[in-house]
Amino acid sequence: MVSGKRLADIGYRAFSASMMVLTLYGGYLCAMRGYRYMKRQEQLKLAAENQDAELIKD
């Protein structure tokens, strides 16, 4: 039979591990959102430059 103290320790470790996983996953999501934002800004800049180049050609 598992003692109450041992059960509480296991529960605490499981909870701590799940919080670490959620924190890492949240960091990953934030990093990916930042990466997509940077890529989108780069694409918009290139599109604006291309549009300016087309206006100059006409």
N, C-alpha and C. Protein backbone atom coordinates (compact mmCIF):
# COMPACT_ATOMS: atom_id res chain seq x y z
N MET A 1 0.85 -1.19 0.00
CA MET A 1 0.00 0.00 0.00
C MET A 1 0.89 1.24 0.00
N VAL A 2 0.50 2.23 -0.79
CA VAL A 2 1.26 3.46 -0.90
C VAL A 2 0.83 4.41 0.21
N SER A 3 1.82 4.98 0.90
CA SER A 3 1.50 5.91 1.99
C SER A 3 0.99 7.23 1.40
N GLY A 4 0.35 8.01 2.23
CA GLY A 4 -0.19 9.30 1.80
C GLY A 4 0.91 10.25 1.36
N LYS A 5 2.03 10.22 2.10
CA LYS A 5 3.14 11.11 1.75
C LYS A 5 3.71 10.74 0.38
N ARG A 6 3.84 9.45 0.13
CA ARG A 6 4.38 8.97 -1.16
C ARG A 6 3.42 9.32 -2.30
N LEU A 7 2.14 9.16 -2.07
CA LEU A 7 1.13 9.49 -3.08
C LEU A 7 1.14 10.98 -3.38
N ALA A 8 1.27 11.80 -2.35
CA ALA A 8 1.34 13.25 -2.54
C ALA A 8 2.59 13.62 -3.33
N ASP A 9 3.70 12.95 -3.05
CA ASP A 9 4.95 13.22 -3.77
C ASP A 9 4.81 12.86 -5.25
N ILE A 10 4.20 11.73 -5.53
CA ILE A 10 3.99 11.31 -6.92
C ILE A 10 3.06 12.31 -7.64
N GLY A 11 2.01 12.72 -6.96
CA GLY A 11 1.09 13.68 -7.55
C GLY A 11 1.77 15.02 -7.84
N TYR A 12 2.61 15.46 -6.91
CA TYR A 12 3.32 16.72 -7.08
C TYR A 12 4.28 16.64 -8.27
N ARG A 13 4.99 15.52 -8.38
CA ARG A 13 5.92 15.35 -9.49
C ARG A 13 5.17 15.29 -10.82
N ALA A 14 4.06 14.61 -10.86
CA ALA A 14 3.27 14.52 -12.10
C ALA A 14 2.75 15.90 -12.49
N PHE A 15 2.25 16.65 -11.51
CA PHE A 15 1.75 18.00 -11.77
C PHE A 15 2.88 18.90 -12.25
N SER A 16 4.04 18.83 -11.61
CA SER A 16 5.18 19.66 -12.02
C SER A 16 5.63 19.31 -13.43
N ALA A 17 5.66 18.04 -13.75
CA ALA A 17 6.07 17.61 -15.09
C ALA A 17 5.07 18.12 -16.13
N SER A 18 3.78 18.05 -15.82
CA SER A 18 2.79 18.52 -16.79
C SER A 18 2.89 20.03 -16.98
N MET A 19 3.20 20.77 -15.93
CA MET A 19 3.38 22.22 -16.05
C MET A 19 4.61 22.55 -16.89
N MET A 20 5.68 21.76 -16.74
CA MET A 20 6.88 21.97 -17.55
C MET A 20 6.58 21.73 -19.02
N VAL A 21 5.85 20.66 -19.29
CA VAL A 21 5.49 20.35 -20.69
C VAL A 21 4.63 21.46 -21.27
N LEU A 22 3.65 21.94 -20.51
CA LEU A 22 2.80 23.03 -21.00
C LEU A 22 3.60 24.30 -21.23
N THR A 23 4.55 24.58 -20.36
CA THR A 23 5.40 25.77 -20.52
C THR A 23 6.24 25.66 -21.78
N LEU A 24 6.83 24.50 -22.00
CA LEU A 24 7.63 24.30 -23.21
C LEU A 24 6.76 24.41 -24.46
N TYR A 25 5.58 23.83 -24.42
CA TYR A 25 4.67 23.90 -25.57
C TYR A 25 4.24 25.35 -25.83
N GLY A 26 3.96 26.09 -24.77
CA GLY A 26 3.60 27.51 -24.93
C GLY A 26 4.74 28.31 -25.52
N GLY A 27 5.96 28.03 -25.09
CA GLY A 27 7.13 28.70 -25.66
C GLY A 27 7.29 28.37 -27.13
N TYR A 28 7.05 27.12 -27.47
CA TYR A 28 7.11 26.70 -28.88
C TYR A 28 6.08 27.45 -29.71
N LEU A 29 4.86 27.53 -29.20
CA LEU A 29 3.80 28.23 -29.94
C LEU A 29 4.14 29.71 -30.13
N CYS A 30 4.67 30.34 -29.10
CA CYS A 30 5.07 31.75 -29.22
C CYS A 30 6.19 31.93 -30.23
N ALA A 31 7.16 31.02 -30.20
CA ALA A 31 8.28 31.12 -31.14
C ALA A 31 7.80 30.93 -32.57
N MET A 32 6.91 29.98 -32.78
CA MET A 32 6.40 29.75 -34.13
C MET A 32 5.56 30.92 -34.62
N ARG A 33 4.80 31.52 -33.73
CA ARG A 33 4.00 32.68 -34.12
C ARG A 33 4.91 33.85 -34.50
N GLY A 34 5.97 34.05 -33.73
CA GLY A 34 6.94 35.10 -34.05
C GLY A 34 7.63 34.82 -35.37
N TYR A 35 7.98 33.57 -35.61
CA TYR A 35 8.63 33.19 -36.86
C TYR A 35 7.71 33.46 -38.05
N ARG A 36 6.44 33.06 -37.93
CA ARG A 36 5.48 33.30 -39.02
C ARG A 36 5.27 34.78 -39.24
N TYR A 37 5.25 35.57 -38.16
CA TYR A 37 5.09 37.01 -38.28
C TYR A 37 6.26 37.62 -39.05
N MET A 38 7.47 37.20 -38.70
CA MET A 38 8.66 37.71 -39.39
C MET A 38 8.65 37.33 -40.86
N LYS A 39 8.28 36.09 -41.16
CA LYS A 39 8.21 35.64 -42.56
C LYS A 39 7.16 36.44 -43.33
N ARG A 40 6.01 36.67 -42.70
CA ARG A 40 4.94 37.42 -43.36
C ARG A 40 5.39 38.85 -43.64
N GLN A 41 6.08 39.47 -42.70
CA GLN A 41 6.57 40.83 -42.92
C GLN A 41 7.57 40.86 -44.08
N GLU A 42 8.40 39.84 -44.16
CA GLU A 42 9.37 39.74 -45.25
C GLU A 42 8.65 39.60 -46.59
N GLN A 43 7.60 38.77 -46.63
CA GLN A 43 6.84 38.58 -47.87
C GLN A 43 6.14 39.87 -48.27
N LEU A 44 5.57 40.58 -47.31
CA LEU A 44 4.90 41.85 -47.62
C LEU A 44 5.88 42.88 -48.15
N LYS A 45 7.07 42.90 -47.58
CA LYS A 45 8.10 43.84 -48.03
C LYS A 45 8.50 43.53 -49.47
N LEU A 46 8.71 42.25 -49.77
CA LEU A 46 9.07 41.86 -51.13
C LEU A 46 7.95 42.19 -52.11
N ALA A 47 6.71 41.95 -51.70
CA ALA A 47 5.57 42.26 -52.57
C ALA A 47 5.49 43.76 -52.83
N ALA A 48 5.74 44.57 -51.81
CA ALA A 48 5.70 46.02 -51.98
C ALA A 48 6.83 46.48 -52.91
N GLU A 49 8.01 45.88 -52.77
CA GLU A 49 9.14 46.23 -53.64
C GLU A 49 8.84 45.85 -55.09
N ASN A 50 8.23 44.68 -55.28
CA ASN A 50 7.88 44.23 -56.63
C ASN A 50 6.81 45.14 -57.23
N GLN A 51 5.88 45.57 -56.42
CA GLN A 51 4.82 46.44 -56.90
C GLN A 51 5.42 47.79 -57.32
N ASP A 52 6.36 48.31 -56.54
CA ASP A 52 7.03 49.56 -56.89
C ASP A 52 7.81 49.40 -58.18
N ALA A 53 8.46 48.26 -58.37
CA ALA A 53 9.24 48.02 -59.58
C ALA A 53 8.32 47.98 -60.80
N GLU A 54 7.13 47.41 -60.66
CA GLU A 54 6.17 47.37 -61.77
C GLU A 54 5.67 48.76 -62.10
N LEU A 55 5.46 49.60 -61.12
CA LEU A 55 5.02 50.96 -61.37
C LEU A 55 6.09 51.76 -62.12
N ILE A 56 7.33 51.53 -61.79
CA ILE A 56 8.44 52.24 -62.43
C ILE A 56 8.55 51.81 -63.90
N LYS A 57 8.31 50.52 -64.18
CA LYS A 57 8.41 50.01 -65.55
C LYS A 57 7.35 50.64 -66.44
N ASP A 58 6.16 50.89 -65.90
CA ASP A 58 5.06 51.44 -66.71
C ASP A 58 5.34 52.86 -66.99
